[in-house]
PDB file of N, CA and C in Angstrom:
ATOM      1  N   ILE A   1    -187.106  51.188 -27.427  1.00  0.00           N
ATOM      2  CA  ILE A   1    -185.628  50.454 -27.083  1.00  0.00           C
ATOM      3  C   ILE A   1    -186.157  49.119 -27.511  1.00  0.00           C
ATOM      4  N   PHE A   2    -185.098  48.571 -28.290  1.00  0.00           N
ATOM      5  CA  PHE A   2    -185.412  47.260 -28.845  1.00  0.00           C
ATOM      6  C   PHE A   2    -184.172  46.310 -28.134  1.00  0.00           C
ATOM      7  N   VAL A   3    -184.421  45.229 -27.393  1.00  0.00           N
ATOM      8  CA  VAL A   3    -183.402  44.575 -26.608  1.00  0.00           C
ATOM      9  C   VAL A   3    -183.571  43.228 -27.212  1.00  0.00           C
ATOM     10  N   ARG A   4    -182.692  42.521 -27.406  1.00  0.00           N
ATOM     11  CA  ARG A   4    -182.727  40.874 -27.797  1.00  0.00           C
ATOM     12  C   ARG A   4    -183.319  40.411 -26.551  1.00  0.00           C
ATOM     13  N   GLU A   5    -183.932  39.267 -26.738  1.00  0.00           N
ATOM     14  CA  GLU A   5    -184.686  38.390 -25.697  1.00  0.00           C
ATOM     15  C   GLU A   5    -183.581  38.087 -24.779  1.00  0.00           C
ATOM     16  N   ASP A   6    -182.514  37.619 -25.425  1.00  0.00           N
ATOM     17  CA  ASP A   6    -181.423  37.036 -24.439  1.00  0.00           C
ATOM     18  C   ASP A   6    -180.705  38.268 -23.625  1.00  0.00           C
ATOM     19  N   CYS A   7    -181.309  39.369 -23.912  1.00  0.00           N
ATOM     20  CA  CYS A   7    -180.352  40.426 -23.112  1.00  0.00           C
ATOM     21  C   CYS A   7    -181.405  41.314 -22.020  1.00  0.00           C
ATOM     22  N   TRP A   8    -182.525  40.778 -22.297  1.00  0.00           N
ATOM     23  CA  TRP A   8    -183.438  41.783 -21.546  1.00  0.00           C
ATOM     24  C   TRP A   8    -183.479  41.886 -19.829  1.00  0.00           C
ATOM     25  N   ARG A   9    -182.528  41.061 -19.523  1.00  0.00           N
ATOM     26  CA  ARG A   9    -182.393  40.926 -17.785  1.00  0.00           C
ATOM     27  C   ARG A   9    -181.098  41.715 -17.413  1.00  0.00           C
ATOM     28  N   GLU A  10    -180.522  42.373 -18.532  1.00  0.00           N
ATOM     29  CA  GLU A  10    -178.812  42.784 -18.293  1.00  0.00           C
ATOM     30  C   GLU A  10    -179.225  44.390 -18.066  1.00  0.00           C
ATOM     31  N   ARG A  11    -179.481  44.736 -16.650  1.00  0.00           N
ATOM     32  CA  ARG A  11    -179.659  46.016 -16.065  1.00  0.00           C
ATOM     33  C   ARG A  11    -178.794  46.892 -16.626  1.00  0.00           C
ATOM     34  N   PRO A  12    -177.444  46.849 -16.693  1.00  0.00           N
ATOM     35  CA  PRO A  12    -176.516  47.824 -17.303  1.00  0.00           C
ATOM     36  C   PRO A  12    -176.950  48.290 -18.763  1.00  0.00           C
ATOM     37  N   LEU A  13    -177.159  47.222 -19.489  1.00  0.00           N
ATOM     38  CA  LEU A  13    -177.418  47.598 -21.050  1.00  0.00           C
ATOM     39  C   LEU A  13    -179.095  48.470 -20.855  1.00  0.00           C
ATOM     40  N   ILE A  14    -180.220  47.994 -19.772  1.00  0.00           N
ATOM     41  CA  ILE A  14    -181.150  48.598 -19.954  1.00  0.00           C
ATOM     42  C   ILE A  14    -180.934  50.282 -19.523  1.00  0.00           C
ATOM     43  N   VAL A  15    -180.245  50.251 -18.351  1.00  0.00           N
ATOM     44  CA  VAL A  15    -180.228  51.656 -17.814  1.00  0.00           C
ATOM     45  C   VAL A  15    -179.190  52.528 -18.893  1.00  0.00           C
ATOM     46  N   HIS A  16    -178.357  52.147 -19.714  1.00  0.00           N
ATOM     47  CA  HIS A  16    -177.639  52.737 -20.880  1.00  0.00           C
ATOM     48  C   HIS A  16    -178.663  53.156 -21.999  1.00  0.00           C
ATOM     49  N   GLU A  17    -179.371  52.182 -22.356  1.00  0.00           N
ATOM     50  CA  GLU A  17    -180.460  52.571 -23.295  1.00  0.00           C
ATOM     51  C   GLU A  17    -181.521  53.545 -22.926  1.00  0.00           C
ATOM     52  N   LEU A  18    -181.885  53.547 -21.637  1.00  0.00           N
ATOM     53  CA  LEU A  18    -182.571  54.622 -21.042  1.00  0.00           C
ATOM     54  C   LEU A  18    -181.844  55.847 -21.195  1.00  0.00           C
ATOM     55  N   VAL A  19    -180.720  56.322 -20.904  1.00  0.00           N
ATOM     56  CA  VAL A  19    -180.048  57.309 -20.976  1.00  0.00           C
ATOM     57  C   VAL A  19    -180.088  57.762 -22.317  1.00  0.00           C
ATOM     58  N   HIS A  20    -180.015  57.142 -23.256  1.00  0.00           N
ATOM     59  CA  HIS A  20    -179.969  57.401 -24.732  1.00  0.00           C
ATOM     60  C   HIS A  20    -181.781  57.916 -24.984  1.00  0.00           C
ATOM     61  N   VAL A  21    -182.545  57.432 -24.306  1.00  0.00           N
ATOM     62  CA  VAL A  21    -184.142  58.003 -24.244  1.00  0.00           C
ATOM     63  C   VAL A  21    -184.078  59.252 -23.809  1.00  0.00           C
ATOM     64  N   ALA A  22    -183.522  59.241 -22.852  1.00  0.00           N
ATOM     65  CA  ALA A  22    -183.327  60.773 -22.163  1.00  0.00           C
ATOM     66  C   ALA A  22    -182.829  61.733 -22.883  1.00  0.00           C
ATOM     67  N   GLN A  23    -181.823  61.467 -23.494  1.00  0.00           N
ATOM     68  CA  GLN A  23    -180.728  62.430 -24.662  1.00  0.00           C
ATOM     69  C   GLN A  23    -181.737  62.608 -25.654  1.00  0.00           C
ATOM     70  N   TYR A  24    -182.716  61.528 -26.192  1.00  0.00           N
ATOM     71  CA  TYR A  24    -183.406  61.861 -27.365  1.00  0.00           C
ATOM     72  C   TYR A  24    -184.290  62.698 -27.079  1.00  0.00           C
ATOM     73  N   GLU A  25    -185.091  62.881 -25.830  1.00  0.00           N
ATOM     74  CA  GLU A  25    -186.089  63.549 -25.349  1.00  0.00           C
ATOM     75  C   GLU A  25    -185.276  65.072 -25.175  1.00  0.00           C
ATOM     76  N   ARG A  26    -184.159  65.323 -24.523  1.00  0.00           N
ATOM     77  CA  ARG A  26    -183.635  66.636 -24.521  1.00  0.00           C
ATOM     78  C   ARG A  26    -183.336  67.057 -25.840  1.00  0.00           C
ATOM     79  N   PHE A  27    -182.888  66.371 -26.853  1.00  0.00           N
ATOM     80  CA  PHE A  27    -182.713  67.142 -27.693  1.00  0.00           C
ATOM     81  C   PHE A  27    -183.851  67.327 -28.947  1.00  0.00           C
ATOM     82  N   GLY A  28    -184.942  66.854 -28.415  1.00  0.00           N
ATOM     83  CA  GLY A  28    -186.050  67.204 -29.069  1.00  0.00           C
ATOM     84  C   GLY A  28    -186.737  66.289 -30.246  1.00  0.00           C
ATOM     85  N   GLY A  29    -186.250  65.114 -30.199  1.00  0.00           N
ATOM     86  CA  GLY A  29    -186.668  63.979 -30.867  1.00  0.00           C
ATOM     87  C   GLY A  29    -185.715  63.113 -31.581  1.00  0.00           C
ATOM     88  N   ILE A  30    -186.055  62.603 -32.609  1.00  0.00           N
ATOM     89  CA  ILE A  30    -185.010  61.456 -33.168  1.00  0.00           C
ATOM     90  C   ILE A  30    -183.852  62.024 -34.028  1.00  0.00           C
ATOM     91  N   GLU A  31    -184.623  63.047 -34.943  1.00  0.00           N
ATOM     92  CA  GLU A  31    -183.688  63.489 -35.845  1.00  0.00           C
ATOM     93  C   GLU A  31    -182.421  64.388 -35.324  1.00  0.00           C
ATOM     94  N   PRO A  32    -182.874  65.279 -34.398  1.00  0.00           N
ATOM     95  CA  PRO A  32    -181.603  66.001 -33.837  1.00  0.00           C
ATOM     96  C   PRO A  32    -180.720  64.857 -33.141  1.00  0.00           C
ATOM     97  N   PHE A  33    -181.193  64.086 -32.354  1.00  0.00           N
ATOM     98  CA  PHE A  33    -180.604  63.127 -31.551  1.00  0.00           C
ATOM     99  C   PHE A  33    -179.759  62.475 -32.304  1.00  0.00           C
ATOM    100  N   LEU A  34    -180.195  61.921 -33.480  1.00  0.00           N
ATOM    101  CA  LEU A  34    -179.527  60.892 -34.608  1.00  0.00           C
ATOM    102  C   LEU A  34    -178.317  61.779 -35.217  1.00  0.00           C
ATOM    103  N   ARG A  35    -178.604  63.090 -35.663  1.00  0.00           N
ATOM    104  CA  ARG A  35    -177.613  63.920 -36.011  1.00  0.00           C
ATOM    105  C   ARG A  35    -176.638  64.146 -35.067  1.00  0.00           C
ATOM    106  N   LYS A  36    -176.724  64.470 -33.738  1.00  0.00           N
ATOM    107  CA  LYS A  36    -175.556  64.770 -33.192  1.00  0.00           C
ATOM    108  C   LYS A  36    -174.927  63.554 -32.612  1.00  0.00           C
ATOM    109  N   TYR A  37    -175.594  62.304 -32.296  1.00  0.00           N
ATOM    110  CA  TYR A  37    -174.811  61.163 -32.037  1.00  0.00           C
ATOM    111  C   TYR A  37    -174.148  60.409 -32.920  1.00  0.00           C
ATOM    112  N   LEU A  38    -174.669  60.518 -34.476  1.00  0.00           N
ATOM    113  CA  LEU A  38    -173.686  59.887 -35.376  1.00  0.00           C
ATOM    114  C   LEU A  38    -172.841  60.978 -35.668  1.00  0.00           C
ATOM    115  N   THR A  39    -172.963  62.272 -35.742  1.00  0.00           N
ATOM    116  CA  THR A  39    -171.655  63.090 -35.938  1.00  0.00           C
ATOM    117  C   THR A  39    -170.664  62.781 -35.113  1.00  0.00           C
ATOM    118  N   GLU A  40    -171.024  62.647 -33.810  1.00  0.00           N
ATOM    119  CA  GLU A  40    -169.872  62.474 -32.856  1.00  0.00           C
ATOM    120  C   GLU A  40    -169.450  61.090 -33.024  1.00  0.00           C
ATOM    121  N   CYS A  41    -170.038  59.958 -33.477  1.00  0.00           N
ATOM    122  CA  CYS A  41    -169.619  58.444 -33.765  1.00  0.00           C
ATOM    123  C   CYS A  41    -168.653  58.575 -34.889  1.00  0.00           C
ATOM    124  N   LEU A  42    -168.999  59.325 -35.553  1.00  0.00           N
ATOM    125  CA  LEU A  42    -168.140  59.518 -37.190  1.00  0.00           C
ATOM    126  C   LEU A  42    -166.973  60.382 -36.789  1.00  0.00           C
ATOM    127  N   THR A  43    -167.175  61.420 -35.820  1.00  0.00           N
ATOM    128  CA  THR A  43    -165.783  62.176 -35.833  1.00  0.00           C
ATOM    129  C   THR A  43    -164.811  62.126 -34.698  1.00  0.00           C
ATOM    130  N   VAL A  44    -165.235  61.522 -33.477  1.00  0.00           N
ATOM    131  CA  VAL A  44    -164.514  61.043 -32.570  1.00  0.00           C
ATOM    132  C   VAL A  44    -164.204  59.693 -32.043  1.00  0.00           C
ATOM    133  N   GLY A  45    -165.450  58.815 -32.883  1.00  0.00           N
ATOM    134  CA  GLY A  45    -165.597  57.416 -32.536  1.00  0.00           C
ATOM    135  C   GLY A  45    -166.487  56.838 -31.710  1.00  0.00           C
ATOM    136  N   TYR A  46    -167.067  55.785 -31.798  1.00  0.00           N
ATOM    137  CA  TYR A  46    -168.095  55.316 -30.888  1.00  0.00           C
ATOM    138  C   TYR A  46    -167.923  55.441 -29.486  1.00  0.00           C
ATOM    139  N   PRO A  47    -166.751  54.738 -29.340  1.00  0.00           N
ATOM    140  CA  PRO A  47    -166.334  54.836 -27.578  1.00  0.00           C
ATOM    141  C   PRO A  47    -166.282  55.979 -27.015  1.00  0.00           C
ATOM    142  N   GLU A  48    -165.594  57.020 -27.777  1.00  0.00           N
ATOM    143  CA  GLU A  48    -165.225  58.358 -27.266  1.00  0.00           C
ATOM    144  C   GLU A  48    -166.325  59.318 -27.471  1.00  0.00           C
ATOM    145  N   ALA A  49    -167.534  59.196 -28.087  1.00  0.00           N
ATOM    146  CA  ALA A  49    -168.481  60.087 -28.317  1.00  0.00           C
ATOM    147  C   ALA A  49    -169.186  60.567 -27.018  1.00  0.00           C
ATOM    148  N   PRO A  50    -169.304  61.683 -26.863  1.00  0.00           N
ATOM    149  CA  PRO A  50    -169.569  62.414 -25.496  1.00  0.00           C
ATOM    150  C   PRO A  50    -171.078  61.935 -25.284  1.00  0.00           C
ATOM    151  N   LEU A  51    -171.876  61.766 -26.135  1.00  0.00           N
ATOM    152  CA  LEU A  51    -173.238  60.960 -25.689  1.00  0.00           C
ATOM    153  C   LEU A  51    -173.174  59.669 -25.315  1.00  0.00           C
ATOM    154  N   GLU A  52    -172.395  58.746 -25.861  1.00  0.00           N
ATOM    155  CA  GLU A  52    -171.920  57.394 -25.498  1.00  0.00           C
ATOM    156  C   GLU A  52    -171.494  57.523 -23.882  1.00  0.00           C
ATOM    157  N   GLN A  53    -170.415  58.373 -23.755  1.00  0.00           N
ATOM    158  CA  GLN A  53    -169.813  58.337 -22.602  1.00  0.00           C
ATOM    159  C   GLN A  53    -170.919  58.882 -21.519  1.00  0.00           C
ATOM    160  N   GLU A  54    -171.556  59.554 -21.670  1.00  0.00           N
ATOM    161  CA  GLU A  54    -172.775  60.061 -20.747  1.00  0.00           C
ATOM    162  C   GLU A  54    -173.551  58.736 -20.355  1.00  0.00           C
ATOM    163  N   ALA A  55    -173.974  58.104 -21.290  1.00  0.00           N
ATOM    164  CA  ALA A  55    -174.677  56.845 -21.188  1.00  0.00           C
ATOM    165  C   ALA A  55    -173.845  55.778 -20.308  1.00  0.00           C
ATOM    166  N   ILE A  56    -172.754  55.727 -20.549  1.00  0.00           N
ATOM    167  CA  ILE A  56    -171.774  54.706 -19.682  1.00  0.00           C
ATOM    168  C   ILE A  56    -171.474  55.167 -18.223  1.00  0.00           C
ATOM    169  N   ALA A  57    -171.305  56.673 -18.116  1.00  0.00           N
ATOM    170  CA  ALA A  57    -171.275  57.322 -16.911  1.00  0.00           C
ATOM    171  C   ALA A  57    -172.467  57.103 -16.085  1.00  0.00           C
ATOM    172  N   VAL A  58    -173.721  57.466 -16.573  1.00  0.00           N
ATOM    173  CA  VAL A  58    -174.654  57.490 -15.725  1.00  0.00           C
ATOM    174  C   VAL A  58    -175.055  55.745 -15.446  1.00  0.00           C
ATOM    175  N   ALA A  59    -175.111  55.207 -16.162  1.00  0.00           N
ATOM    176  CA  ALA A  59    -175.183  53.722 -15.995  1.00  0.00           C
ATOM    177  C   ALA A  59    -174.296  53.146 -14.805  1.00  0.00           C
ATOM    178  N   ALA A  60    -172.990  53.588 -14.773  1.00  0.00           N
ATOM    179  CA  ALA A  60    -172.264  53.120 -13.693  1.00  0.00           C
ATOM    180  C   ALA A  60    -172.516  53.887 -12.485  1.00  0.00           C
ATOM    181  N   LYS A  61    -172.946  54.870 -12.537  1.00  0.00           N
ATOM    182  CA  LYS A  61    -173.348  55.755 -11.325  1.00  0.00           C
ATOM    183  C   LYS A  61    -174.529  55.013 -10.621  1.00  0.00           C
ATOM    184  N   TRP A  62    -175.547  54.659 -11.758  1.00  0.00           N
ATOM    185  CA  TRP A  62    -176.608  54.147 -10.989  1.00  0.00           C
ATOM    186  C   TRP A  62    -176.855  52.653 -10.435  1.00  0.00           C
ATOM    187  N   LEU A  63    -175.673  52.052 -11.170  1.00  0.00           N
ATOM    188  CA  LEU A  63    -175.558  50.537 -10.788  1.00  0.00           C
ATOM    189  C   LEU A  63    -174.373  50.272 -10.009  1.00  0.00           C
ATOM    190  N   SER A  64    -174.030  51.183  -9.658  1.00  0.00           N
ATOM    191  CA  SER A  64    -172.611  51.209  -8.306  1.00  0.00           C
ATOM    192  C   SER A  64    -173.197  50.838  -6.911  1.00  0.00           C
ATOM    193  N   PRO A  65    -172.491  50.038  -6.463  1.00  0.00           N
ATOM    194  CA  PRO A  65    -172.914  49.526  -5.071  1.00  0.00           C
ATOM    195  C   PRO A  65    -173.024  50.901  -4.151  1.00  0.00           C
ATOM    196  N   ARG A  66    -174.099  51.503  -3.443  1.00  0.00           N
ATOM    197  CA  ARG A  66    -174.128  52.461  -2.457  1.00  0.00           C
ATOM    198  C   ARG A  66    -173.514  52.260  -1.381  1.00  0.00           C
ATOM    199  N   SER A  67    -172.904  53.428  -0.909  1.00  0.00           N
ATOM    200  CA  SER A  67    -172.064  53.278   0.322  1.00  0.00           C
ATOM    201  C   SER A  67    -172.858  53.795   1.534  1.00  0.00           C
TER     202      SER A  67
END
């Protein structure tokens, strides 16, 4: 993960990117992950891409206040 120095304390960003790392591992490497991720971004759009939505949802779950 590459994160700009001015963003390294942004927990939501770090968690979001770690979800992408887990996706990368789940798909078996960078090439299969990028093929799926970029296809989704090009067909349904970046904000609606399922892998992007998964990263958003997991980050929200892990960073929400626990009751």
